[in-house]
Amino acid sequence: MISTGFVRRVDSLGRITIPCELRAQINLSARDAVEIFQIDDSFLMKKYAPCDIFTGEMDELIEFEGKKISKNSILKMAQIAGFTIV
């Protein structure tokens, strides 16, 4: 991991400010969602991008009951269920 040289304090509500230079590098805008992962004693923040719940694919997503599913996954499930895809 490369040090950015930025140090920020956590405020009384548990928030930190991400420097604008770092936000610009990943095209993170105000109100964008981020995912936070814990790795041992560290956190990794990543710009959130919705993906298929089965494959992680990010193309041609359809929302079904609050979950994202790609068209490819839907086609594969239809084939497994015995439907003929034309």
C-alpha atoms as a PDB file:
ATOM      1  CA  MET A   1       0.000   0.000   0.000  1.00  0.00           C
ATOM      2  CA  ILE A   2       1.329   3.437  -0.910  1.00  0.00           C
ATOM      3  CA  SER A   3       1.132   6.276   1.618  1.00  0.00           C
ATOM      4  CA  THR A   4      -0.652   9.345   0.265  1.00  0.00           C
ATOM      5  CA  GLY A   5       0.871  11.651   2.855  1.00  0.00           C
ATOM      6  CA  PHE A   6      -2.597  12.752   3.978  1.00  0.00           C
ATOM      7  CA  VAL A   7      -3.553  12.469   7.661  1.00  0.00           C
ATOM      8  CA  ARG A   8      -7.068  13.278   8.858  1.00  0.00           C
ATOM      9  CA  ARG A   9      -8.648  13.275  12.316  1.00  0.00           C
ATOM     10  CA  VAL A  10     -11.964  11.559  12.990  1.00  0.00           C
ATOM     11  CA  ASP A  11     -14.584  14.077  14.186  1.00  0.00           C
ATOM     12  CA  SER A  12     -16.972  13.539  17.115  1.00  0.00           C
ATOM     13  CA  LEU A  13     -19.502  11.847  14.796  1.00  0.00           C
ATOM     14  CA  GLY A  14     -16.922   9.383  13.435  1.00  0.00           C
ATOM     15  CA  ARG A  15     -16.471  11.154  10.095  1.00  0.00           C
ATOM     16  CA  ILE A  16     -13.322  11.885   8.144  1.00  0.00           C
ATOM     17  CA  THR A  17     -12.786  14.202   5.200  1.00  0.00           C
ATOM     18  CA  ILE A  18     -11.372  12.677   2.026  1.00  0.00           C
ATOM     19  CA  PRO A  19      -9.002  15.160   0.355  1.00  0.00           C
ATOM     20  CA  CYS A  20     -10.266  16.491  -2.979  1.00  0.00           C
ATOM     21  CA  GLU A  21      -7.117  15.257  -4.752  1.00  0.00           C
ATOM     22  CA  LEU A  22      -7.933  11.675  -3.739  1.00  0.00           C
ATOM     23  CA  ARG A  23     -11.636  12.046  -4.613  1.00  0.00           C
ATOM     24  CA  ALA A  24     -10.685  13.327  -8.070  1.00  0.00           C
ATOM     25  CA  GLN A  25      -8.427  10.311  -8.702  1.00  0.00           C
ATOM     26  CA  ILE A  26     -11.385   7.919  -8.466  1.00  0.00           C
ATOM     27  CA  ASN A  27     -14.008  10.355  -9.786  1.00  0.00           C
ATOM     28  CA  LEU A  28     -15.826  10.449  -6.430  1.00  0.00           C
ATOM     29  CA  SER A  29     -18.441  13.203  -6.255  1.00  0.00           C
ATOM     30  CA  ALA A  30     -20.590  14.526  -3.420  1.00  0.00           C
ATOM     31  CA  ARG A  31     -23.379  12.065  -2.533  1.00  0.00           C
ATOM     32  CA  ASP A  32     -21.631   9.109  -4.273  1.00  0.00           C
ATOM     33  CA  ALA A  33     -21.750   5.850  -2.333  1.00  0.00           C
ATOM     34  CA  VAL A  34     -18.603   4.119  -1.103  1.00  0.00           C
ATOM     35  CA  GLU A  35     -18.027   0.597   0.158  1.00  0.00           C
ATOM     36  CA  ILE A  36     -15.920   0.144   3.284  1.00  0.00           C
ATOM     37  CA  PHE A  37     -13.983  -3.074   3.863  1.00  0.00           C
ATOM     38  CA  GLN A  38     -12.078  -4.055   6.997  1.00  0.00           C
ATOM     39  CA  ILE A  39      -8.741  -5.758   6.403  1.00  0.00           C
ATOM     40  CA  ASP A  40      -7.091  -6.705   9.694  1.00  0.00           C
ATOM     41  CA  ASP A  41      -6.505  -3.361  11.457  1.00  0.00           C
ATOM     42  CA  SER A  42      -7.141  -1.229   8.343  1.00  0.00           C
ATOM     43  CA  PHE A  43     -10.073   0.025   6.298  1.00  0.00           C
ATOM     44  CA  LEU A  44     -10.312   0.092   2.518  1.00  0.00           C
ATOM     45  CA  MET A  45     -12.776   2.504   0.928  1.00  0.00           C
ATOM     46  CA  LYS A  46     -13.895   1.945  -2.655  1.00  0.00           C
ATOM     47  CA  LYS A  47     -16.345   3.841  -4.846  1.00  0.00           C
ATOM     48  CA  TYR A  48     -19.491   1.728  -4.898  1.00  0.00           C
ATOM     49  CA  ALA A  49     -20.490   0.209  -8.215  1.00  0.00           C
ATOM     50  CA  PRO A  50     -23.537  -2.066  -8.294  1.00  0.00           C
ATOM     51  CA  CYS A  51     -22.876  -5.538  -9.639  1.00  0.00           C
ATOM     52  CA  ASP A  52     -24.564  -8.884 -10.246  1.00  0.00           C
ATOM     53  CA  ILE A  53     -25.138 -10.664  -6.922  1.00  0.00           C
ATOM     54  CA  PHE A  54     -24.073 -13.999  -8.453  1.00  0.00           C
ATOM     55  CA  THR A  55     -21.110 -13.187 -10.695  1.00  0.00           C
ATOM     56  CA  GLY A  56     -19.973  -9.668  -9.805  1.00  0.00           C
ATOM     57  CA  GLU A  57     -20.584  -8.655 -13.422  1.00  0.00           C
ATOM     58  CA  MET A  58     -21.343  -4.951 -13.886  1.00  0.00           C
ATOM     59  CA  ASP A  59     -22.884  -4.898 -17.387  1.00  0.00           C
ATOM     60  CA  GLU A  60     -26.582  -4.944 -18.341  1.00  0.00           C
ATOM     61  CA  LEU A  61     -27.943  -5.053 -14.792  1.00  0.00           C
ATOM     62  CA  ILE A  62     -31.611  -5.478 -13.982  1.00  0.00           C
ATOM     63  CA  GLU A  63     -33.029  -4.872 -10.516  1.00  0.00           C
ATOM     64  CA  PHE A  64     -35.202  -7.656  -9.111  1.00  0.00           C
ATOM     65  CA  GLU A  65     -36.624  -7.404  -5.594  1.00  0.00           C
ATOM     66  CA  GLY A  66     -33.918  -4.926  -4.620  1.00  0.00           C
ATOM     67  CA  LYS A  67     -31.044  -7.031  -5.993  1.00  0.00           C
ATOM     68  CA  LYS A  68     -28.974  -6.461  -9.148  1.00  0.00           C
ATOM     69  CA  ILE A  69     -28.804  -9.345 -11.636  1.00  0.00           C
ATOM     70  CA  SER A  70     -27.107  -9.291 -15.041  1.00  0.00           C
ATOM     71  CA  LYS A  71     -28.893 -10.403 -18.182  1.00  0.00           C
ATOM     72  CA  ASN A  72     -26.262 -13.145 -18.577  1.00  0.00           C
ATOM     73  CA  SER A  73     -27.153 -14.582 -15.154  1.00  0.00           C
ATOM     74  CA  ILE A  74     -30.849 -14.477 -15.995  1.00  0.00           C
ATOM     75  CA  LEU A  75     -30.214 -16.350 -19.257  1.00  0.00           C
ATOM     76  CA  LYS A  76     -28.107 -18.987 -17.472  1.00  0.00           C
ATOM     77  CA  MET A  77     -30.785 -19.458 -14.784  1.00  0.00           C
ATOM     78  CA  ALA A  78     -33.484 -19.795 -17.451  1.00  0.00           C
ATOM     79  CA  GLN A  79     -31.432 -22.494 -19.205  1.00  0.00           C
ATOM     80  CA  ILE A  80     -30.850 -24.354 -15.922  1.00  0.00           C
ATOM     81  CA  ALA A  81     -34.604 -24.179 -15.254  1.00  0.00           C
ATOM     82  CA  GLY A  82     -35.244 -25.809 -18.631  1.00  0.00           C
ATOM     83  CA  PHE A  83     -36.428 -22.820 -20.638  1.00  0.00           C
ATOM     84  CA  THR A  84     -35.431 -22.605 -24.294  1.00  0.00           C
ATOM     85  CA  ILE A  85     -33.699 -19.347 -25.164  1.00  0.00           C
ATOM     86  CA  VAL A  86     -34.348 -18.209 -28.720  1.00  0.00           C
END
